Protein backbone atom coordinates (compact mmCIF):
# COMPACT_ATOMS: atom_id res chain seq x y z
CA MET A 1 122.09 75.01 113.76
CA ARG A 2 118.63 76.72 113.07
CA GLY A 3 117.34 76.43 109.80
CA PRO A 4 115.54 78.92 107.95
CA LEU A 5 112.34 77.94 108.92
CA SER A 6 113.15 78.29 112.33
CA CYS A 7 113.32 81.70 111.27
CA LEU A 8 109.48 82.53 110.61
CA VAL A 9 107.10 84.02 112.61
CA VAL A 10 103.26 85.53 112.07
CA ALA A 11 103.26 88.74 110.43
CA ALA A 12 100.75 89.63 113.89
CA VAL A 13 103.89 90.81 115.12
CA LEU A 14 103.91 93.75 112.45
CA LEU A 15 100.52 94.12 112.69
CA LEU A 16 99.77 98.16 113.62
CA ALA A 17 98.43 97.36 116.02
CA PRO A 18 95.61 94.32 117.89
CA ILE A 19 92.27 94.63 116.40
CA PRO A 20 89.53 92.09 117.73
CA ALA A 21 87.72 90.34 115.56
CA PRO A 22 84.67 91.49 114.72
CA ALA A 23 82.06 90.90 117.02
CA ALA A 24 79.94 87.77 116.62
CA ARG A 25 76.59 89.15 115.02
CA GLU A 26 73.25 88.59 117.72
CA ALA A 27 71.31 85.84 117.10
CA ASP A 28 69.21 86.11 114.63
CA ALA A 29 65.16 85.81 115.25
CA PRO A 30 64.12 82.18 113.32
CA ALA A 31 62.71 83.05 110.01
CA ALA A 32 59.51 81.62 109.65
CA VAL A 33 58.62 78.38 108.15
CA PRO A 34 56.01 78.06 105.26
CA ASP A 35 53.14 75.71 105.80
CA TRP A 36 53.97 73.61 102.87
CA LEU A 37 57.68 74.01 103.98
CA ALA A 38 57.33 72.48 107.17
CA PRO A 39 56.68 68.57 106.51
CA LYS A 40 59.77 68.32 104.28
CA ILE A 41 62.24 69.74 106.91
CA SER A 42 60.48 67.91 109.52
CA GLY A 43 63.35 65.23 108.90
CA LEU A 44 66.24 67.86 109.47
CA THR A 45 68.61 67.46 112.50
CA ALA A 46 68.29 70.09 114.72
CA GLU A 47 71.73 71.92 113.56
CA GLN A 48 70.61 71.22 109.79
CA ARG A 49 66.98 73.15 110.61
CA ASP A 50 68.85 76.32 112.97
CA PHE A 51 71.42 76.67 109.65
CA LEU A 52 68.39 76.49 107.47
CA LEU A 53 66.79 79.09 109.06
CA SER A 54 69.60 81.43 109.55
CA LYS A 55 70.49 84.14 107.61
CA ASP A 56 73.69 82.30 106.59
CA ALA A 57 71.42 79.52 104.81
CA GLU A 58 69.47 83.02 103.37
CA ARG A 59 72.82 84.40 101.60
CA PHE A 60 73.05 81.47 99.06
CA ALA A 61 69.71 82.93 97.53
CA GLY A 62 69.85 86.52 98.75
CA THR A 63 66.34 86.69 100.33
CA ARG A 64 64.42 84.06 102.49
CA GLU A 65 61.50 84.06 99.69
CA ARG A 66 64.18 83.25 97.18
CA LEU A 67 65.65 80.34 98.83
CA HIS A 68 61.77 78.94 99.48
CA GLN A 69 61.20 79.02 96.01
CA ARG A 70 64.50 77.20 95.32
CA LEU A 71 63.19 74.29 98.64
CA ARG A 72 59.80 74.38 97.24
CA ASN A 73 60.20 71.41 94.17
CA LYS A 74 62.20 69.29 96.36
CA SER A 75 61.84 66.08 98.09
CA PRO A 76 62.53 66.33 101.73
CA GLU A 77 65.55 64.39 101.03
CA GLU A 78 66.28 66.57 98.53
CA ILE A 79 66.35 69.64 100.70
CA ALA A 80 68.15 67.56 103.42
CA ALA A 81 71.02 67.21 101.08
CA TYR A 82 70.77 70.97 99.83
CA VAL A 83 71.12 72.68 103.46
CA GLU A 84 74.07 69.89 104.01
CA GLY A 85 75.84 71.59 101.24
CA MET A 86 75.04 74.82 102.36
CA MET A 87 76.41 73.97 105.49
CA THR A 88 79.79 72.69 104.34
CA VAL A 89 80.71 75.49 102.11
CA THR A 90 79.76 78.04 105.20
CA LYS A 91 82.05 75.72 107.33
CA ALA A 92 84.72 75.76 104.85
CA ALA A 93 85.03 79.06 104.20
CA ALA A 94 85.44 79.65 107.93
CA PHE A 95 88.50 80.05 109.62
CA ASP A 96 89.82 76.99 111.12
CA PRO A 97 92.95 76.66 113.39
CA ALA A 98 93.90 73.46 113.00
CA ARG A 99 93.74 74.34 109.37
CA ASP A 100 94.90 77.78 108.83
CA MET A 101 97.26 80.36 109.15
CA ALA A 102 96.29 83.37 111.44
CA ALA A 103 98.36 85.56 109.63
CA ILE A 104 101.36 85.77 107.14
CA PRO A 105 104.63 84.67 107.77
CA LEU A 106 107.88 86.51 107.30
CA ASN A 107 111.29 85.61 107.64
CA THR A 108 112.85 87.73 110.05
CA ALA A 109 116.43 86.42 109.45
CA SER A 110 116.75 88.04 105.95
CA SER A 111 118.71 91.06 105.65
CA GLU A 112 116.62 92.84 103.57
CA PHE A 113 113.95 92.52 106.00
CA ASN A 114 113.50 96.35 106.44
CA ALA A 115 115.25 97.37 103.27
CA TRP A 116 112.64 99.00 101.48
CA LYS A 117 112.15 101.52 103.96
CA VAL A 118 115.09 102.16 105.63
CA PRO A 119 115.57 106.51 104.98
CA ARG A 120 119.03 107.31 103.41
CA PRO A 121 120.96 109.46 106.08
CA ALA A 122 121.89 113.09 105.12
CA VAL A 123 125.47 112.50 105.57
CA LEU A 124 125.26 110.49 102.56
CA ASN A 125 124.17 113.26 100.43
CA PRO A 126 126.21 116.06 99.42
CA LYS A 127 125.98 118.83 101.55
CA ARG A 128 123.38 121.48 101.72
CA GLU A 129 121.51 123.82 103.59
CA PRO A 130 118.12 122.52 104.79
CA GLY A 131 115.25 123.86 103.11
CA PRO A 132 113.05 123.01 99.38
CA PHE A 133 114.98 122.70 96.15
CA ALA A 134 114.49 122.69 92.51
CA LEU A 135 115.43 120.31 90.32
CA GLY A 136 116.32 120.69 86.56
CA TYR A 137 118.59 122.82 84.23
CA TYR A 138 115.87 125.43 83.07
CA ALA A 139 114.69 128.04 84.97
CA ASN A 140 111.30 127.00 83.51
CA ARG A 141 110.32 123.64 85.90
CA ARG A 142 108.29 122.16 83.19
CA ALA A 143 111.54 121.66 81.20
CA GLY A 144 113.42 119.90 84.23
CA ILE A 145 113.01 116.79 86.01
CA ARG A 146 108.67 116.34 86.96
CA THR A 147 107.27 117.18 89.95
CA PHE A 148 104.01 117.44 91.94
CA ALA A 149 102.01 120.41 90.74
CA ASP A 150 105.95 121.82 89.14
CA ALA A 151 107.32 122.05 92.66
CA PRO A 152 110.55 122.18 94.62
CA VAL A 153 111.58 119.08 96.39
CA ALA A 154 111.96 118.60 99.90
CA ILE A 155 113.30 115.45 100.94
CA TYR A 156 113.53 115.51 104.78
CA PRO A 157 111.29 116.87 107.78
CA GLU A 158 114.10 119.52 108.26
CA ASP A 159 113.56 120.71 105.03
CA LEU A 160 110.04 121.57 105.48
CA VAL A 161 110.35 123.31 108.68
CA ALA A 162 113.44 125.57 107.03
CA GLY A 163 111.14 126.07 104.07
CA ASN A 164 108.31 127.27 106.22
CA VAL A 165 106.26 124.65 103.72
CA ASP A 166 102.46 124.77 103.86
CA VAL A 167 101.69 121.71 101.45
CA ALA A 168 104.24 118.60 101.09
CA ILE A 169 102.54 116.44 98.28
CA VAL A 170 103.78 112.75 98.62
CA GLY A 171 102.97 110.04 96.31
CA ALA A 172 102.03 106.39 97.87
CA PRO A 173 102.38 103.88 95.17
CA LEU A 174 100.31 101.19 96.97
CA ASP A 175 97.49 99.27 95.00
CA MET A 176 98.16 95.69 97.21
CA GLY A 177 95.19 96.59 99.02
CA SER A 178 93.07 96.32 95.59
CA TYR A 179 91.59 93.66 93.73
CA MET A 180 92.31 95.78 90.28
CA ARG A 181 96.33 96.69 90.28
CA GLY A 182 97.28 99.64 88.72
CA ALA A 183 96.71 102.24 91.22
CA ARG A 184 100.76 102.92 92.31
CA PHE A 185 101.30 104.35 88.61
CA GLY A 186 99.12 107.31 89.80
CA PRO A 187 101.89 109.22 91.58
CA GLN A 188 103.95 109.19 88.26
CA ALA A 189 100.91 109.97 86.10
CA MET A 190 99.82 113.18 87.96
CA ARG A 191 103.89 114.24 88.04
CA ASN A 192 103.77 113.74 83.99
CA GLU A 193 100.67 115.69 83.57
CA TYR A 194 99.26 119.46 84.43
CA GLY A 195 96.17 120.68 85.95
CA ALA A 196 98.04 120.88 89.31
CA GLY A 197 99.51 124.38 88.58
CA GLY A 198 98.62 127.81 87.54
CA VAL A 199 96.25 130.37 88.25
CA ASP A 200 92.43 129.21 89.38
CA MET A 201 90.83 131.27 87.13
CA ASN A 202 87.08 131.11 88.81
CA THR A 203 89.11 133.02 91.68
CA LEU A 204 92.25 134.14 90.22
CA VAL A 205 93.87 133.09 93.04
CA ASP A 206 97.67 130.75 92.11
CA PRO A 207 98.48 128.36 95.03
CA SER A 208 101.98 128.53 93.81
CA LYS A 209 102.24 132.20 94.74
CA VAL A 210 100.68 131.73 97.80
CA LEU A 211 101.66 129.12 99.39
CA ASN A 212 105.09 127.15 99.86
CA ILE A 213 104.24 123.89 98.05
CA VAL A 214 106.99 120.83 97.97
CA ASP A 215 106.84 117.53 96.02
CA TYR A 216 107.71 115.00 98.77
CA GLY A 217 108.89 112.57 97.25
CA ASP A 218 107.13 108.80 97.23
CA ILE A 219 106.38 107.03 100.32
CA ALA A 220 108.65 103.35 100.00
CA VAL A 221 106.11 100.54 99.64
CA ASP A 222 106.28 96.54 100.68
CA ASN A 223 104.14 96.01 97.65
CA MET A 224 104.40 92.25 99.11
CA SER A 225 102.35 93.85 102.18
CA THR A 226 99.65 96.11 102.66
CA GLU A 227 100.02 95.70 106.22
CA ARG A 228 103.51 96.62 106.38
CA THR A 229 103.19 99.45 104.08
CA VAL A 230 99.95 101.24 105.79
CA HIS A 231 102.25 101.06 109.25
CA HIS A 232 105.42 102.87 107.05
CA VAL A 233 102.64 105.52 105.46
CA ARG A 234 100.84 106.21 108.92
CA GLU A 235 104.56 106.77 110.37
CA ARG A 236 105.47 109.10 107.14
CA VAL A 237 102.26 111.34 107.36
CA ALA A 238 102.53 111.62 111.02
CA GLU A 239 106.08 113.08 110.02
CA ILE A 240 104.66 115.50 107.67
CA ALA A 241 102.01 116.90 109.62
CA ARG A 242 104.45 117.18 112.95
CA THR A 243 106.37 119.97 110.90
CA GLY A 244 103.16 121.79 110.66
CA ALA A 245 103.09 121.20 106.79
CA LEU A 246 99.53 119.84 105.15
CA PRO A 247 100.35 116.28 103.80
CA PHE A 248 98.87 115.81 100.27
CA VAL A 249 98.90 112.08 99.66
CA ILE A 250 98.69 110.87 96.12
CA GLY A 251 97.65 107.53 95.77
CA GLY A 252 97.67 104.56 94.97
CA ASP A 253 94.51 102.74 96.35
CA HIS A 254 92.17 103.48 98.69
CA SER A 255 93.22 101.20 101.68
CA LEU A 256 95.68 104.30 101.98
CA GLU A 257 92.86 106.50 103.80
CA TYR A 258 93.64 104.59 106.96
CA PRO A 259 97.00 105.04 107.53
CA ASN A 260 96.41 108.80 106.66
CA ILE A 261 93.64 109.39 109.02
CA ALA A 262 95.49 107.54 111.71
CA GLY A 263 98.69 109.05 111.07
CA LEU A 264 96.79 112.81 111.62
CA ALA A 265 95.15 111.70 114.55
CA ASP A 266 98.12 110.49 116.00
CA VAL A 267 99.64 114.46 116.05
CA HIS A 268 95.93 116.09 116.02
CA GLY A 269 94.51 113.59 118.77
CA LYS A 270 91.42 111.17 117.87
CA GLY A 271 88.03 112.57 117.08
CA SER A 272 89.71 115.79 116.21
CA PHE A 273 88.97 116.46 112.84
CA SER A 274 86.06 115.28 110.20
CA VAL A 275 86.61 113.36 107.20
CA ILE A 276 84.59 114.18 103.72
CA HIS A 277 84.56 111.10 101.81
CA PHE A 278 83.95 111.43 98.04
CA ASP A 279 83.33 108.36 96.61
CA ALA A 280 80.83 106.00 94.79
CA HIS A 281 81.12 103.08 97.46
CA TYR A 282 81.23 103.59 101.53
CA ASP A 283 83.92 101.56 101.88
CA ALA A 284 82.96 100.40 105.72
CA GLY A 285 83.39 96.53 104.85
CA SER A 286 84.17 94.72 108.11
CA ASP A 287 83.72 91.14 107.29
CA GLN A 288 86.90 89.92 105.41
CA PRO A 289 89.75 87.93 106.00
CA HIS A 290 91.85 91.12 105.95
CA PHE A 291 91.92 93.83 108.31
CA ILE A 292 92.42 96.40 105.47
CA THR A 293 91.73 96.44 101.40
CA HIS A 294 90.48 99.55 99.39
CA GLY A 295 87.28 98.73 100.62
CA GLN A 296 87.39 99.31 104.35
CA PRO A 297 89.11 102.30 105.51
CA VAL A 298 85.84 104.29 106.93
CA TYR A 299 84.99 101.27 109.24
CA ARG A 300 88.78 100.86 110.76
CA VAL A 301 88.94 104.27 111.01
CA VAL A 302 85.65 104.13 113.18
CA LYS A 303 86.56 101.29 114.44
CA GLU A 304 89.36 102.21 116.25
CA GLY A 305 88.57 105.61 116.99
CA HIS A 306 90.74 107.68 114.99
CA VAL A 307 87.28 109.37 113.48
CA PRO A 308 84.18 108.70 115.19
CA GLY A 309 81.18 108.24 112.95
CA ARG A 310 79.28 111.42 113.32
CA ASN A 311 82.22 113.34 111.62
CA PHE A 312 82.21 111.61 108.49
CA ILE A 313 80.31 113.07 105.41
CA GLN A 314 80.36 110.68 102.64
CA VAL A 315 79.47 112.25 99.13
CA GLY A 316 78.24 110.65 95.61
CA LEU A 317 77.58 107.25 96.64
CA ARG A 318 75.68 104.76 93.76
CA GLY A 319 76.10 101.44 92.58
CA PRO A 320 75.30 98.20 94.50
CA TRP A 321 77.46 98.98 97.34
CA PRO A 322 76.51 99.25 100.21
CA GLY A 323 72.97 97.33 100.71
CA PRO A 324 70.66 98.38 103.55
CA GLY A 325 73.01 96.89 105.87
CA GLY A 326 75.61 99.09 104.77
CA PHE A 327 72.84 102.45 105.24
CA GLU A 328 71.95 101.07 108.53
CA TRP A 329 75.33 101.13 109.89
CA MET A 330 76.02 104.64 108.54
CA ARG A 331 72.89 105.91 110.55
CA ASN A 332 73.21 103.75 113.44
CA ASN A 333 76.81 105.72 113.74
CA GLY A 334 75.81 109.27 113.11
CA MET A 335 77.37 108.84 109.38
CA ARG A 336 75.63 111.68 107.05
CA TYR A 337 75.65 110.69 103.32
CA HIS A 338 74.92 112.34 100.15
CA THR A 339 73.79 109.61 97.55
CA MET A 340 73.72 110.61 93.78
CA ALA A 341 69.93 108.83 94.26
CA GLU A 342 69.66 112.39 96.47
CA ILE A 343 71.22 114.46 94.24
CA GLU A 344 68.75 113.37 91.68
CA LYS A 345 65.80 113.93 94.06
CA ARG A 346 66.87 117.61 95.87
CA GLY A 347 69.27 118.88 92.55
CA TRP A 348 73.00 119.43 93.36
CA ASP A 349 72.85 122.57 94.45
CA GLU A 350 70.72 122.13 97.41
CA THR A 351 73.17 118.59 98.23
CA MET A 352 76.03 120.66 97.93
CA LYS A 353 74.29 123.58 100.33
CA ARG A 354 73.89 120.50 102.96
CA VAL A 355 77.49 119.57 102.82
CA LEU A 356 78.99 122.05 102.87
CA ALA A 357 76.82 123.25 106.16
CA GLU A 358 77.77 120.00 107.66
CA ALA A 359 81.22 120.57 107.22
CA ARG A 360 81.33 123.87 109.20
CA GLU A 361 79.47 121.76 112.17
CA GLY A 362 81.56 121.97 115.37
CA GLY A 363 84.21 124.64 113.38
CA ARG A 364 86.40 120.96 113.35
CA LYS A 365 89.00 121.07 110.48
CA LEU A 366 88.57 119.04 107.36
CA TYR A 367 90.55 115.70 105.99
CA ILE A 368 89.53 115.53 102.37
CA SER A 369 89.52 111.63 100.99
CA PHE A 370 88.74 112.10 97.06
CA ASP A 371 88.56 108.85 95.39
CA VAL A 372 88.66 109.36 91.89
CA ASP A 373 85.57 107.07 90.99
CA VAL A 374 83.43 109.36 92.52
CA LEU A 375 83.49 111.02 89.25
CA ASP A 376 81.10 109.95 86.36
CA PRO A 377 83.36 106.97 84.05
CA ALA A 378 82.90 110.05 81.51
CA PHE A 379 85.82 111.87 83.23
CA MET A 380 87.61 109.42 84.88
CA PRO A 381 87.47 106.22 82.80
CA GLY A 382 91.25 105.43 84.34
CA THR A 383 90.05 103.89 87.89
CA GLY A 384 89.11 100.20 88.91
CA THR A 385 86.06 99.95 89.85
CA PRO A 386 84.19 102.82 87.76
CA VAL A 387 80.71 103.16 88.29
CA PRO A 388 78.36 105.25 85.76
CA GLY A 389 76.13 108.03 86.93
CA GLY A 390 78.82 109.99 89.07
CA LEU A 391 79.68 113.54 89.81
CA THR A 392 80.89 115.97 86.87
CA MET A 393 84.22 117.48 87.19
CA ARG A 394 82.16 121.07 87.18
CA GLU A 395 80.19 120.19 90.31
CA ALA A 396 83.32 118.43 91.71
CA MET A 397 85.93 120.99 91.05
CA PRO A 398 84.06 123.82 93.49
CA LEU A 399 82.89 121.74 96.05
CA VAL A 400 86.15 120.73 96.96
CA ARG A 401 87.43 124.71 96.34
CA ARG A 402 85.26 125.39 98.94
CA LEU A 403 85.60 122.87 101.26
CA CYS A 404 89.33 123.54 101.52
CA ALA A 405 88.17 127.36 101.69
CA GLU A 406 85.81 127.54 104.02
CA ASN A 407 87.24 125.35 106.41
CA GLY A 408 90.56 124.41 107.98
CA VAL A 409 92.26 121.72 106.20
CA VAL A 410 94.19 118.87 107.75
CA GLY A 411 94.97 117.24 105.08
CA PHE A 412 94.21 116.03 101.60
CA GLU A 413 94.29 112.83 99.48
CA ILE A 414 93.37 111.75 96.02
CA VAL A 415 93.06 108.05 95.62
CA GLU A 416 92.23 105.05 92.87
CA LEU A 417 93.58 106.55 89.72
CA ALA A 418 94.60 103.41 87.57
CA PRO A 419 96.08 105.79 84.74
CA MET A 420 96.97 102.37 82.53
CA ILE A 421 93.83 102.18 81.44
CA ASP A 422 93.13 105.20 80.08
CA ALA A 423 95.59 105.76 77.18
CA SER A 424 93.55 109.09 76.41
CA TYR A 425 95.34 110.98 79.60
CA ARG A 426 91.95 112.75 81.01
CA SER A 427 92.08 110.88 84.02
CA ALA A 428 96.03 112.12 85.22
CA LEU A 429 94.80 115.60 84.11
CA ASN A 430 91.23 115.52 85.54
CA ALA A 431 93.12 113.67 89.23
CA ASN A 432 95.54 117.06 88.56
CA PHE A 433 92.88 119.39 88.32
CA VAL A 434 90.51 118.16 91.28
CA LEU A 435 94.02 118.39 93.63
CA HIS A 436 95.02 122.09 92.23
CA ALA A 437 90.85 123.11 93.25
CA CYS A 438 92.01 121.74 96.96
CA LEU A 439 94.98 123.83 96.79
CA THR A 440 93.57 127.07 95.58
CA GLY A 441 91.06 126.69 98.71
CA VAL A 442 94.20 126.84 101.16
CA ALA A 443 95.86 129.57 99.19
CA MET A 444 92.41 131.47 99.42
CA ARG A 445 92.56 131.05 103.04
CA LYS A 446 95.46 131.90 103.63
CA GLN A 447 94.36 134.85 102.14
CA GLY A 448 92.09 135.59 104.46
CA ILE A 449 89.23 134.66 101.15
CA THR A 450 86.83 132.57 103.09
CA GLU A 451 83.72 134.21 101.51
CA ALA A 452 81.19 131.41 100.75
CA GLY A 453 81.31 130.50 97.16
CA PHE A 454 83.85 133.33 96.68
CA LEU A 455 84.32 134.04 92.57
CA SER A 456 86.50 136.68 91.00
CA GLU A 457 84.74 139.50 90.06
CA LEU A 458 87.40 140.13 87.29
CA THR A 459 86.34 136.47 85.82
CA THR A 460 82.65 136.48 86.32
CA GLY A 461 81.19 139.55 83.63
CA HIS A 462 83.07 141.33 81.37
CA GLN A 463 80.97 144.60 82.31
CA GLN A 464 80.56 145.81 78.79
CA PRO A 465 80.29 148.52 77.69
CA GLU A 466 81.16 150.45 80.65
CA ALA A 467 84.37 148.94 81.14
CA GLY A 468 85.40 149.45 77.76
CA ARG A 469 84.49 152.82 77.64
CA ALA A 470 86.40 153.09 80.95
CA GLY A 471 89.48 151.64 79.46
CA GLU A 472 89.30 154.29 76.29
CA ARG A 473 89.39 157.02 79.15
CA ALA A 474 92.58 155.76 80.67
CA GLY A 475 94.20 155.57 77.26
CA LYS A 476 94.40 151.72 77.82
CA VAL A 477 92.85 150.74 74.47
CA GLU A 478 95.18 148.40 72.79
CA GLN A 479 96.88 150.38 69.71
CA VAL A 480 96.40 148.93 66.21
CA GLU A 481 100.27 148.35 64.94
CA ALA A 482 99.62 147.05 61.31
CA ALA A 483 103.19 145.75 60.78
CA TYR A 484 102.76 143.58 64.09
CA GLY A 485 102.77 140.30 62.85
CA THR A 486 105.75 140.80 60.33
CA GLY A 487 108.32 141.66 62.96
CA ARG A 488 109.02 144.98 61.92
CA ARG A 489 108.17 147.80 64.20
CA SER A 490 106.44 150.73 62.82
CA GLY A 491 108.18 153.24 61.26
CA ASP A 492 110.98 151.13 60.42
């Protein structure tokens, strides 16, 4: 009889697609050896000397100069021991096929192997005609079961097609791709907070009256495996896109950007759309043990060819990451980026004009990835990796609205909301207002309102005293009724 261990297989079978390991770095030019150091390292072996002059050794101190400072007062014997210690750490950190698993084994004999993502057949539900439907007892949807933007619910792709749905808002409560847990509560918090529905005062457009919007539920996640989850997310995003609806994904952490974009590329084609990436971080890390985390989706999307670097626009970068190497990588791959340093130098209005102009290049549609940590922590304390000095809501909302109005959109995501670390609720509130800004833009475009920077004439100027005089002539001035507040009508 086969034991349970014989049923274990490596999880490589379950990965989305084989991904080559990052290419080995080209050999670095040997570092120059100061005159004072040369005699001290003359007794090192060739291997030790090569390591000392490599970038690997430099990383232990941060710079070559700092490494030299650490060695200056050491004897030749102490330097040899120091180099050997660095080599030991470097070798131990690398993959060793004799010691390490290349992937995590899974128990394929488990009857629950795919239970987490098996769809419920429609035949098991009460019979109904396909299409969106409202939840709750009351006509006022806010009084019933809460949904994204107080929208009706859809369950199957057939519902999206039958309802001619424009936007399917779907939760993706994944936070295993992040070092800070809590983003999996993002969809729940945004459903429970207001801000995603109603009229937009800036434009007097009400997305709920222009668009067919539905809450498409939450995508199932395997909270033991980011890799298995992103594969399923990719399938579900593609499922929405194939119906003609726009997937609006509510995260969850930023590892979701990879399956969201890959799923859209599966439907629309690789390289067919651009990405606007709002974030404090560039999220293009590559030298990590896992192929997908919340700090790597941009690299993987570019590496697999879903969106070329020249079609990426980064907005809001700041803080300690990336360093010079990351900026060089973005430049080498044709990526446009707009840091908070640029905003400090050029001003917000000028930077926003550049972002909008770049978004229109080539006439491609846009995917908008909005990591809430692009906002300053004063507006978004509920996120796992806050960085001071970010965008204000006053800056973010008009830009998102304009991007979604002045360009065709293939999808939208808002990620990294961790509501449990914000007792004030303003993080979920502001996240909903960002979502509403994009919904407003999509609604404007559907109505044919694509004028650059459109704002309602009615809400941008009171036009007094002329407007008041016109109201008087038309008999539209409110008549005084002294008994109004008593509940009695005049003359009673």
